[in-house]
């Protein structure tokens, strides 16, 4: 289900308000879901990605739906700004140069394969996000990662690395799921 442009803008506004709320009060915006369109109250998984002057500044999300979409956006926007362990907390002076992107995930679908070549042959570049799991090792790449890793083998190897596995690792215990996203974004200055 694709969201209308007004609902997309509304979600971007929620993300920005949650980040502003975090700067002012140190916690995410509390969202009263009953105030929003039914499509935004559905349980959907999402990621919020923040870029500052074209560079990644934070990305946090969920692979499974754990709460209404509008609340997930607010929580993930706050977490991307202030809790991504790869970056220091966002500062107020960075807000004007920030781009906010929301990726709403489809339900993941397991892939069946017997070999690495068989897996790679099923991956749809530019379309699929992947979830890789083996034991306690787990990682995901959103479909937007194809922009920086356009070759399926490179995408796959870097995903293994992100999951804490060697890039040349292979075993019969690997589990891989794919998903697609509905993605949209805007610069903070143009959202509100």
N, C-alpha and C. Protein backbone atom coordinates (compact mmCIF):
# COMPACT_ATOMS: atom_id res chain seq x y z
N UNK A 1 0.83 -1.18 0.00
CA UNK A 1 0.00 0.00 0.00
C UNK A 1 0.88 1.24 0.00
N UNK A 2 0.69 2.08 -0.97
CA UNK A 2 1.48 3.31 -1.10
C UNK A 2 0.73 4.46 -0.43
N UNK A 3 1.48 5.31 0.26
CA UNK A 3 0.89 6.46 0.95
C UNK A 3 0.73 7.62 -0.01
N UNK A 4 -0.31 8.40 0.19
CA UNK A 4 -0.52 9.61 -0.61
C UNK A 4 0.55 10.65 -0.26
N UNK A 5 0.74 11.59 -1.15
CA UNK A 5 1.73 12.65 -0.91
C UNK A 5 1.43 13.44 0.37
N UNK A 6 0.17 13.79 0.67
CA UNK A 6 -0.09 14.49 1.95
C UNK A 6 0.29 13.66 3.18
N UNK A 7 0.07 12.34 3.13
CA UNK A 7 0.45 11.50 4.27
C UNK A 7 1.96 11.36 4.39
N UNK A 8 2.65 11.32 3.25
CA UNK A 8 4.11 11.30 3.29
C UNK A 8 4.64 12.58 3.94
N UNK A 9 4.09 13.73 3.53
CA UNK A 9 4.52 15.01 4.11
C UNK A 9 4.23 15.05 5.61
N UNK A 10 3.09 14.50 5.99
CA UNK A 10 2.73 14.45 7.41
C UNK A 10 3.75 13.63 8.20
N UNK A 11 4.15 12.47 7.67
CA UNK A 11 5.16 11.65 8.35
C UNK A 11 6.50 12.36 8.44
N UNK A 12 6.91 13.04 7.38
CA UNK A 12 8.16 13.80 7.43
C UNK A 12 8.08 14.89 8.50
N UNK A 13 6.92 15.51 8.64
CA UNK A 13 6.72 16.51 9.68
C UNK A 13 6.81 15.91 11.07
N UNK A 14 6.26 14.72 11.26
CA UNK A 14 6.36 14.03 12.55
C UNK A 14 7.82 13.74 12.86
N UNK A 15 8.57 13.27 11.87
CA UNK A 15 10.00 12.97 12.07
C UNK A 15 10.75 14.24 12.49
N UNK A 16 10.52 15.33 11.80
CA UNK A 16 11.21 16.58 12.13
C UNK A 16 10.81 17.08 13.52
N UNK A 17 9.52 17.02 13.84
CA UNK A 17 9.07 17.47 15.16
C UNK A 17 9.67 16.61 16.27
N UNK A 18 9.84 15.31 16.01
CA UNK A 18 10.43 14.44 17.02
C UNK A 18 11.90 14.78 17.24
N UNK A 19 12.60 15.11 16.16
CA UNK A 19 14.01 15.52 16.30
C UNK A 19 14.09 16.85 17.06
N UNK A 20 13.24 17.81 16.72
CA UNK A 20 13.22 19.09 17.44
C UNK A 20 12.87 18.88 18.91
N UNK A 21 11.91 17.99 19.17
CA UNK A 21 11.52 17.67 20.54
C UNK A 21 12.72 17.09 21.29
N UNK A 22 13.49 16.24 20.61
CA UNK A 22 14.69 15.67 21.21
C UNK A 22 15.72 16.73 21.55
N UNK A 23 15.90 17.70 20.66
CA UNK A 23 16.85 18.77 20.93
C UNK A 23 16.41 19.60 22.14
N UNK A 24 15.11 19.81 22.28
CA UNK A 24 14.58 20.65 23.37
C UNK A 24 14.39 19.89 24.67
N UNK A 25 13.96 18.62 24.59
CA UNK A 25 13.56 17.91 25.81
C UNK A 25 14.29 16.60 26.05
N UNK A 26 15.13 16.17 25.11
CA UNK A 26 15.92 14.95 25.31
C UNK A 26 15.14 13.66 25.19
N UNK A 27 13.99 13.69 24.55
CA UNK A 27 13.21 12.46 24.33
C UNK A 27 12.38 12.61 23.07
N UNK A 28 11.92 11.47 22.50
CA UNK A 28 11.14 11.55 21.26
C UNK A 28 9.77 12.18 21.50
N UNK A 29 9.19 12.66 20.44
CA UNK A 29 7.85 13.21 20.45
C UNK A 29 6.86 12.11 20.83
N UNK A 30 5.98 12.38 21.78
CA UNK A 30 4.93 11.43 22.14
C UNK A 30 3.80 11.58 21.12
N UNK A 31 3.49 10.52 20.42
CA UNK A 31 2.50 10.56 19.35
C UNK A 31 1.19 9.94 19.83
N UNK A 32 0.12 10.69 19.72
CA UNK A 32 -1.22 10.16 20.01
C UNK A 32 -1.77 9.64 18.69
N UNK A 33 -1.72 8.33 18.51
CA UNK A 33 -2.04 7.74 17.21
C UNK A 33 -3.47 8.01 16.75
N UNK A 34 -4.39 8.18 17.68
CA UNK A 34 -5.78 8.43 17.32
C UNK A 34 -5.98 9.72 16.54
N UNK A 35 -4.99 10.61 16.57
CA UNK A 35 -5.07 11.89 15.86
C UNK A 35 -4.72 11.76 14.38
N UNK A 36 -4.31 10.57 13.94
CA UNK A 36 -3.78 10.41 12.59
C UNK A 36 -4.66 9.51 11.72
N UNK A 37 -4.49 9.65 10.43
CA UNK A 37 -5.18 8.85 9.43
C UNK A 37 -5.00 7.36 9.74
N UNK A 38 -6.02 6.54 9.49
CA UNK A 38 -5.91 5.10 9.75
C UNK A 38 -4.70 4.45 9.07
N UNK A 39 -4.30 4.92 7.90
CA UNK A 39 -3.14 4.33 7.21
C UNK A 39 -1.85 4.52 8.02
N UNK A 40 -1.79 5.57 8.84
CA UNK A 40 -0.60 5.84 9.64
C UNK A 40 -0.66 5.16 11.00
N UNK A 41 -1.84 4.60 11.32
CA UNK A 41 -1.99 3.88 12.59
C UNK A 41 -1.73 2.39 12.44
N UNK A 42 -1.57 1.93 11.19
CA UNK A 42 -1.28 0.51 10.95
C UNK A 42 0.11 0.17 11.46
N UNK A 43 0.27 -1.07 11.89
CA UNK A 43 1.59 -1.55 12.28
C UNK A 43 2.44 -1.76 11.04
N UNK A 44 3.46 -0.95 10.87
CA UNK A 44 4.39 -1.07 9.73
C UNK A 44 5.80 -0.81 10.25
N UNK A 45 6.76 -1.51 9.71
CA UNK A 45 8.16 -1.30 10.07
C UNK A 45 8.74 -0.20 9.19
N UNK A 46 9.63 0.60 9.76
CA UNK A 46 10.26 1.65 8.96
C UNK A 46 11.67 1.94 9.47
N UNK A 47 12.42 2.61 8.63
CA UNK A 47 13.72 3.17 8.98
C UNK A 47 13.67 4.66 8.70
N UNK A 48 14.35 5.43 9.53
CA UNK A 48 14.54 6.85 9.27
C UNK A 48 16.03 7.08 9.09
N UNK A 49 16.39 7.67 7.94
CA UNK A 49 17.78 7.96 7.61
C UNK A 49 17.95 9.47 7.58
N UNK A 50 19.00 9.93 8.23
CA UNK A 50 19.34 11.35 8.24
C UNK A 50 20.64 11.56 7.49
N UNK A 51 20.65 12.52 6.59
CA UNK A 51 21.86 12.91 5.87
C UNK A 51 22.13 14.38 6.14
N UNK A 52 23.39 14.70 6.32
CA UNK A 52 23.81 16.08 6.53
C UNK A 52 24.78 16.44 5.42
N UNK A 53 24.39 17.37 4.57
CA UNK A 53 25.21 17.79 3.43
C UNK A 53 25.64 16.59 2.59
N UNK A 54 24.70 15.66 2.37
CA UNK A 54 24.96 14.51 1.51
C UNK A 54 25.64 13.33 2.18
N UNK A 55 25.99 13.46 3.45
CA UNK A 55 26.66 12.37 4.16
C UNK A 55 25.74 11.78 5.22
N UNK A 56 25.82 10.47 5.40
CA UNK A 56 25.02 9.80 6.41
C UNK A 56 25.27 10.42 7.77
N UNK A 57 24.18 10.70 8.51
CA UNK A 57 24.28 11.30 9.85
C UNK A 57 23.58 10.45 10.89
N UNK A 58 22.83 9.43 10.43
CA UNK A 58 22.15 8.53 11.35
C UNK A 58 21.12 7.72 10.59
N UNK A 59 20.93 6.48 11.01
CA UNK A 59 19.91 5.62 10.39
C UNK A 59 19.51 4.57 11.42
N UNK A 60 18.24 4.60 11.79
CA UNK A 60 17.72 3.66 12.79
C UNK A 60 16.34 3.21 12.33
N UNK A 61 16.01 1.96 12.61
CA UNK A 61 14.69 1.47 12.26
C UNK A 61 14.43 0.09 12.79
N UNK A 62 13.32 -0.46 12.36
CA UNK A 62 12.89 -1.79 12.75
C UNK A 62 12.63 -2.63 11.49
N UNK A 63 12.94 -3.91 11.59
CA UNK A 63 12.70 -4.83 10.48
C UNK A 63 11.31 -5.45 10.56
N UNK A 64 10.72 -5.42 11.74
CA UNK A 64 9.36 -5.94 11.92
C UNK A 64 8.50 -4.83 12.49
N UNK A 65 7.22 -4.88 12.18
CA UNK A 65 6.28 -3.90 12.73
C UNK A 65 6.10 -4.17 14.22
N UNK A 66 6.38 -3.16 15.04
CA UNK A 66 6.23 -3.33 16.49
C UNK A 66 5.24 -2.32 17.08
N UNK A 67 4.80 -1.36 16.27
CA UNK A 67 3.89 -0.32 16.74
C UNK A 67 3.30 0.40 15.53
N UNK A 68 2.34 1.29 15.75
CA UNK A 68 1.78 2.04 14.62
C UNK A 68 2.88 2.81 13.86
N UNK A 69 2.73 2.89 12.56
CA UNK A 69 3.74 3.52 11.70
C UNK A 69 4.10 4.93 12.17
N UNK A 70 3.11 5.76 12.48
CA UNK A 70 3.40 7.15 12.85
C UNK A 70 4.25 7.21 14.13
N UNK A 71 4.03 6.32 15.05
CA UNK A 71 4.85 6.29 16.28
C UNK A 71 6.24 5.75 15.97
N UNK A 72 6.33 4.76 15.07
CA UNK A 72 7.63 4.22 14.69
C UNK A 72 8.49 5.29 14.02
N UNK A 73 7.87 6.12 13.18
CA UNK A 73 8.59 7.22 12.55
C UNK A 73 9.13 8.18 13.60
N UNK A 74 8.29 8.57 14.55
CA UNK A 74 8.73 9.51 15.59
C UNK A 74 9.88 8.93 16.41
N UNK A 75 9.75 7.67 16.82
CA UNK A 75 10.79 7.04 17.64
C UNK A 75 12.08 6.85 16.86
N UNK A 76 11.97 6.40 15.60
CA UNK A 76 13.17 6.15 14.80
C UNK A 76 13.87 7.44 14.39
N UNK A 77 13.11 8.51 14.14
CA UNK A 77 13.74 9.80 13.82
C UNK A 77 14.55 10.29 15.01
N UNK A 78 13.97 10.20 16.19
CA UNK A 78 14.69 10.60 17.40
C UNK A 78 15.96 9.75 17.57
N UNK A 79 15.79 8.42 17.44
CA UNK A 79 16.92 7.51 17.62
C UNK A 79 18.02 7.75 16.57
N UNK A 80 17.63 8.02 15.33
CA UNK A 80 18.63 8.29 14.29
C UNK A 80 19.42 9.56 14.61
N UNK A 81 18.76 10.54 15.20
CA UNK A 81 19.42 11.81 15.53
C UNK A 81 20.28 11.73 16.78
N UNK A 82 19.88 10.91 17.74
CA UNK A 82 20.54 10.97 19.05
C UNK A 82 21.08 9.64 19.58
N UNK A 83 20.75 8.51 18.93
CA UNK A 83 21.16 7.23 19.51
C UNK A 83 21.89 6.31 18.54
N UNK A 84 22.16 6.76 17.31
CA UNK A 84 22.93 5.92 16.40
C UNK A 84 24.36 5.88 16.94
N UNK A 85 24.86 4.68 17.32
CA UNK A 85 26.18 4.61 17.96
C UNK A 85 27.34 5.03 17.05
N UNK A 86 27.09 5.16 15.75
CA UNK A 86 28.15 5.55 14.83
C UNK A 86 28.41 7.05 14.83
N UNK A 87 27.51 7.83 15.44
CA UNK A 87 27.59 9.29 15.34
C UNK A 87 27.32 9.93 16.70
N UNK A 88 27.90 11.13 16.92
CA UNK A 88 27.52 11.88 18.12
C UNK A 88 26.08 12.38 17.96
N UNK A 89 25.47 12.77 19.07
CA UNK A 89 24.10 13.30 19.02
C UNK A 89 24.05 14.52 18.12
N UNK A 90 22.95 14.64 17.40
CA UNK A 90 22.72 15.78 16.52
C UNK A 90 22.73 17.07 17.33
N UNK A 91 23.30 18.11 16.76
CA UNK A 91 23.32 19.42 17.40
C UNK A 91 22.33 20.33 16.70
N UNK A 92 21.79 21.29 17.43
CA UNK A 92 20.76 22.19 16.90
C UNK A 92 21.22 22.89 15.62
N UNK A 93 22.49 23.27 15.54
CA UNK A 93 22.98 23.99 14.37
C UNK A 93 23.05 23.12 13.11
N UNK A 94 22.94 21.79 13.27
CA UNK A 94 22.95 20.89 12.12
C UNK A 94 21.56 20.74 11.48
N UNK A 95 20.52 21.13 12.20
CA UNK A 95 19.15 20.89 11.76
C UNK A 95 18.84 21.49 10.39
N UNK A 96 19.33 22.69 10.12
CA UNK A 96 18.98 23.35 8.86
C UNK A 96 19.57 22.64 7.64
N UNK A 97 20.66 21.90 7.79
CA UNK A 97 21.26 21.20 6.67
C UNK A 97 20.87 19.74 6.57
N UNK A 98 19.91 19.33 7.38
CA UNK A 98 19.54 17.93 7.48
C UNK A 98 18.52 17.52 6.42
N UNK A 99 18.72 16.35 5.82
CA UNK A 99 17.73 15.71 4.95
C UNK A 99 17.18 14.51 5.71
N UNK A 100 15.87 14.36 5.69
CA UNK A 100 15.20 13.27 6.40
C UNK A 100 14.57 12.34 5.35
N UNK A 101 14.86 11.06 5.46
CA UNK A 101 14.31 10.05 4.54
C UNK A 101 13.64 8.96 5.36
N UNK A 102 12.46 8.58 4.94
CA UNK A 102 11.70 7.53 5.59
C UNK A 102 11.56 6.37 4.60
N UNK A 103 11.86 5.17 5.06
CA UNK A 103 11.69 3.96 4.26
C UNK A 103 10.73 3.04 5.00
N UNK A 104 9.58 2.78 4.39
CA UNK A 104 8.58 1.89 4.98
C UNK A 104 8.77 0.52 4.34
N UNK A 105 8.96 -0.49 5.15
CA UNK A 105 9.31 -1.82 4.66
C UNK A 105 8.08 -2.67 4.36
N UNK A 106 8.20 -3.46 3.29
CA UNK A 106 7.21 -4.51 3.03
C UNK A 106 7.50 -5.65 4.00
N UNK A 107 6.62 -6.63 4.04
CA UNK A 107 6.89 -7.82 4.85
C UNK A 107 8.05 -8.59 4.22
N UNK A 108 9.05 -8.98 5.01
CA UNK A 108 10.17 -9.74 4.46
C UNK A 108 9.73 -11.11 3.94
N UNK A 109 10.36 -11.52 2.85
CA UNK A 109 10.07 -12.83 2.26
C UNK A 109 11.36 -13.64 2.24
N UNK A 110 11.34 -14.89 2.77
CA UNK A 110 12.56 -15.70 2.80
C UNK A 110 12.97 -16.13 1.39
N UNK A 111 14.28 -16.16 1.17
CA UNK A 111 14.82 -16.64 -0.10
C UNK A 111 15.34 -18.06 0.11
N UNK A 112 15.14 -18.90 -0.90
CA UNK A 112 15.62 -20.27 -0.87
C UNK A 112 16.77 -20.40 -1.86
N UNK A 113 17.89 -20.95 -1.41
CA UNK A 113 19.08 -21.04 -2.26
C UNK A 113 19.97 -22.17 -1.75
N UNK A 114 20.78 -22.70 -2.65
CA UNK A 114 21.71 -23.77 -2.32
C UNK A 114 23.17 -23.33 -2.36
N UNK A 115 23.40 -22.18 -2.99
CA UNK A 115 24.77 -21.70 -3.14
C UNK A 115 24.78 -20.19 -3.14
N UNK A 116 25.95 -19.62 -2.98
CA UNK A 116 26.09 -18.16 -3.02
C UNK A 116 25.68 -17.64 -4.40
N UNK A 117 26.08 -18.34 -5.46
CA UNK A 117 25.71 -17.92 -6.81
C UNK A 117 24.19 -17.98 -7.00
N UNK A 118 23.55 -18.99 -6.43
CA UNK A 118 22.10 -19.11 -6.51
C UNK A 118 21.39 -17.99 -5.78
N UNK A 119 21.94 -17.59 -4.66
CA UNK A 119 21.38 -16.46 -3.91
C UNK A 119 21.54 -15.16 -4.70
N UNK A 120 22.75 -14.90 -5.17
CA UNK A 120 23.03 -13.65 -5.87
C UNK A 120 22.17 -13.53 -7.13
N UNK A 121 21.88 -14.65 -7.77
CA UNK A 121 21.04 -14.63 -8.98
C UNK A 121 19.61 -14.17 -8.69
N UNK A 122 19.17 -14.32 -7.44
CA UNK A 122 17.81 -13.93 -7.07
C UNK A 122 17.68 -12.48 -6.63
N UNK A 123 18.79 -11.85 -6.30
CA UNK A 123 18.76 -10.48 -5.76
C UNK A 123 18.45 -9.50 -6.89
N UNK A 124 17.51 -8.60 -6.63
CA UNK A 124 17.11 -7.60 -7.62
C UNK A 124 17.77 -6.26 -7.28
N UNK A 125 18.87 -5.92 -7.98
CA UNK A 125 19.57 -4.67 -7.69
C UNK A 125 18.64 -3.45 -7.79
N UNK A 126 18.80 -2.56 -6.83
CA UNK A 126 18.02 -1.34 -6.81
C UNK A 126 16.61 -1.52 -6.28
N UNK A 127 16.19 -2.75 -6.04
CA UNK A 127 14.83 -3.04 -5.58
C UNK A 127 14.82 -3.67 -4.18
N UNK A 128 15.65 -4.69 -4.01
CA UNK A 128 15.60 -5.47 -2.78
C UNK A 128 16.46 -4.88 -1.67
N UNK A 129 15.88 -4.89 -0.47
CA UNK A 129 16.66 -4.80 0.76
C UNK A 129 16.84 -6.22 1.23
N UNK A 130 17.92 -6.51 1.93
CA UNK A 130 18.18 -7.86 2.40
C UNK A 130 18.39 -7.88 3.90
N UNK A 131 17.92 -8.97 4.50
CA UNK A 131 18.19 -9.27 5.91
C UNK A 131 18.99 -10.56 5.91
N UNK A 132 20.15 -10.54 6.52
CA UNK A 132 21.02 -11.71 6.61
C UNK A 132 21.09 -12.12 8.08
N UNK A 133 20.94 -13.42 8.33
CA UNK A 133 21.08 -13.90 9.70
C UNK A 133 21.75 -15.25 9.70
N UNK A 134 22.70 -15.39 10.61
CA UNK A 134 23.30 -16.70 10.90
C UNK A 134 23.62 -16.69 12.38
N UNK A 135 22.93 -17.55 13.13
CA UNK A 135 23.13 -17.56 14.57
C UNK A 135 22.80 -16.19 15.15
N UNK A 136 23.74 -15.65 15.89
CA UNK A 136 23.53 -14.34 16.52
C UNK A 136 23.93 -13.18 15.61
N UNK A 137 24.52 -13.48 14.48
CA UNK A 137 24.93 -12.44 13.54
C UNK A 137 23.75 -12.05 12.66
N UNK A 138 23.51 -10.76 12.56
CA UNK A 138 22.38 -10.28 11.77
C UNK A 138 22.71 -8.89 11.22
N UNK A 139 22.27 -8.64 10.00
CA UNK A 139 22.46 -7.32 9.39
C UNK A 139 21.45 -7.11 8.28
N UNK A 140 21.24 -5.85 7.94
CA UNK A 140 20.35 -5.52 6.83
C UNK A 140 20.93 -4.37 6.04
N UNK A 141 20.62 -4.35 4.78
CA UNK A 141 20.86 -3.21 3.91
C UNK A 141 19.53 -2.82 3.28
N UNK A 142 19.17 -1.55 3.40
CA UNK A 142 18.00 -1.02 2.72
C UNK A 142 18.25 -0.99 1.22
N UNK A 143 17.21 -0.98 0.40
CA UNK A 143 17.42 -0.87 -1.04
C UNK A 143 18.22 0.36 -1.45
N UNK A 144 18.18 1.43 -0.67
CA UNK A 144 18.94 2.64 -1.01
C UNK A 144 20.45 2.40 -1.01
N UNK A 145 20.92 1.34 -0.36
CA UNK A 145 22.36 1.03 -0.33
C UNK A 145 22.88 0.66 -1.71
N UNK A 146 21.97 0.23 -2.61
CA UNK A 146 22.38 -0.08 -3.99
C UNK A 146 23.03 1.13 -4.66
N UNK A 147 22.69 2.34 -4.23
CA UNK A 147 23.28 3.54 -4.83
C UNK A 147 24.78 3.58 -4.62
N UNK A 148 25.26 3.08 -3.48
CA UNK A 148 26.71 3.08 -3.24
C UNK A 148 27.35 1.72 -3.49
N UNK A 149 26.56 0.66 -3.57
CA UNK A 149 27.07 -0.69 -3.86
C UNK A 149 26.22 -1.30 -4.97
N UNK A 150 26.40 -0.87 -6.23
CA UNK A 150 25.50 -1.30 -7.30
C UNK A 150 25.69 -2.73 -7.80
N UNK A 151 26.80 -3.37 -7.45
CA UNK A 151 27.04 -4.74 -7.92
C UNK A 151 26.55 -5.74 -6.88
N UNK A 152 25.72 -6.71 -7.30
CA UNK A 152 25.15 -7.67 -6.33
C UNK A 152 26.18 -8.37 -5.45
N UNK A 153 27.31 -8.79 -6.02
CA UNK A 153 28.31 -9.48 -5.20
C UNK A 153 28.88 -8.55 -4.14
N UNK A 154 29.16 -7.30 -4.50
CA UNK A 154 29.68 -6.33 -3.53
C UNK A 154 28.64 -6.05 -2.45
N UNK A 155 27.38 -5.87 -2.86
CA UNK A 155 26.27 -5.63 -1.92
C UNK A 155 26.22 -6.77 -0.90
N UNK A 156 26.26 -8.00 -1.39
CA UNK A 156 26.16 -9.19 -0.56
C UNK A 156 27.36 -9.30 0.39
N UNK A 157 28.56 -9.10 -0.14
CA UNK A 157 29.76 -9.23 0.70
C UNK A 157 29.79 -8.16 1.79
N UNK A 158 29.40 -6.94 1.46
CA UNK A 158 29.38 -5.87 2.46
C UNK A 158 28.29 -6.11 3.51
N UNK A 159 27.19 -6.74 3.10
CA UNK A 159 26.15 -7.09 4.07
C UNK A 159 26.68 -8.13 5.04
N UNK A 160 27.42 -9.12 4.55
CA UNK A 160 28.01 -10.11 5.44
C UNK A 160 28.94 -9.42 6.44
N UNK A 161 29.72 -8.50 5.94
CA UNK A 161 30.65 -7.75 6.81
C UNK A 161 29.87 -6.97 7.87
N UNK A 162 28.79 -6.32 7.46
CA UNK A 162 27.97 -5.56 8.41
C UNK A 162 27.40 -6.48 9.48
N UNK A 163 27.05 -7.71 9.11
CA UNK A 163 26.49 -8.67 10.06
C UNK A 163 27.56 -9.30 10.96
N UNK A 164 28.81 -8.92 10.77
CA UNK A 164 29.89 -9.43 11.61
C UNK A 164 30.47 -10.74 11.11
N UNK A 165 30.25 -11.03 9.84
CA UNK A 165 30.79 -12.25 9.23
C UNK A 165 31.89 -11.88 8.24
N UNK A 166 32.84 -12.79 7.99
CA UNK A 166 33.84 -12.50 6.96
C UNK A 166 33.18 -12.34 5.60
N UNK A 167 33.75 -11.50 4.75
CA UNK A 167 33.16 -11.23 3.44
C UNK A 167 33.10 -12.47 2.56
N UNK A 168 33.99 -13.44 2.79
CA UNK A 168 33.99 -14.66 1.99
C UNK A 168 33.27 -15.81 2.69
N UNK A 169 32.55 -15.52 3.76
CA UNK A 169 31.87 -16.55 4.56
C UNK A 169 30.74 -17.21 3.77
N UNK A 170 30.64 -18.52 3.93
CA UNK A 170 29.50 -19.26 3.37
C UNK A 170 29.22 -20.45 4.26
N UNK A 171 27.93 -20.71 4.52
CA UNK A 171 27.54 -21.91 5.24
C UNK A 171 26.09 -22.23 4.91
N UNK A 172 25.69 -23.43 5.21
CA UNK A 172 24.31 -23.85 4.98
C UNK A 172 23.34 -23.28 6.00
N UNK A 173 23.85 -22.56 6.99
CA UNK A 173 22.99 -22.00 8.04
C UNK A 173 22.60 -20.55 7.78
N UNK A 174 23.05 -19.97 6.68
CA UNK A 174 22.68 -18.59 6.36
C UNK A 174 21.20 -18.51 6.03
N UNK A 175 20.54 -17.53 6.63
CA UNK A 175 19.15 -17.26 6.29
C UNK A 175 19.08 -15.85 5.70
N UNK A 176 18.40 -15.72 4.58
CA UNK A 176 18.30 -14.43 3.91
C UNK A 176 16.84 -14.17 3.57
N UNK A 177 16.41 -12.96 3.86
CA UNK A 177 15.07 -12.50 3.48
C UNK A 177 15.23 -11.23 2.67
N UNK A 178 14.27 -11.00 1.78
CA UNK A 178 14.30 -9.75 1.02
C UNK A 178 13.01 -8.99 1.29
N UNK A 179 13.11 -7.67 1.09
CA UNK A 179 11.95 -6.79 1.25
C UNK A 179 12.13 -5.61 0.32
N UNK A 180 11.06 -4.90 0.10
CA UNK A 180 11.12 -3.66 -0.67
C UNK A 180 10.73 -2.52 0.27
N UNK A 181 10.93 -1.31 -0.19
CA UNK A 181 10.55 -0.16 0.63
C UNK A 181 9.81 0.87 -0.21
N UNK A 182 8.97 1.60 0.48
CA UNK A 182 8.39 2.84 -0.06
C UNK A 182 9.20 3.94 0.61
N UNK A 183 9.98 4.66 -0.17
CA UNK A 183 10.91 5.64 0.39
C UNK A 183 10.61 7.04 -0.12
N UNK A 184 10.76 8.00 0.78
CA UNK A 184 10.55 9.41 0.45
C UNK A 184 11.30 10.26 1.46
N UNK A 185 11.58 11.49 1.07
CA UNK A 185 12.32 12.36 1.96
C UNK A 185 12.28 13.79 1.52
N UNK A 186 12.86 14.64 2.37
CA UNK A 186 12.93 16.08 2.08
C UNK A 186 13.94 16.71 3.03
N UNK A 187 14.39 17.88 2.65
CA UNK A 187 15.25 18.64 3.52
C UNK A 187 14.43 19.22 4.66
N UNK A 188 15.04 19.31 5.85
CA UNK A 188 14.35 19.82 7.03
C UNK A 188 13.75 21.20 6.77
N UNK A 189 14.45 22.03 6.02
CA UNK A 189 13.98 23.38 5.75
C UNK A 189 12.67 23.37 4.95
N UNK A 190 12.47 22.35 4.13
CA UNK A 190 11.28 22.32 3.27
C UNK A 190 10.12 21.53 3.85
N UNK A 191 10.31 20.94 5.03
CA UNK A 191 9.24 20.09 5.59
C UNK A 191 8.15 20.90 6.25
N UNK A 192 8.52 21.84 7.07
CA UNK A 192 7.50 22.64 7.78
C UNK A 192 7.57 24.09 7.41
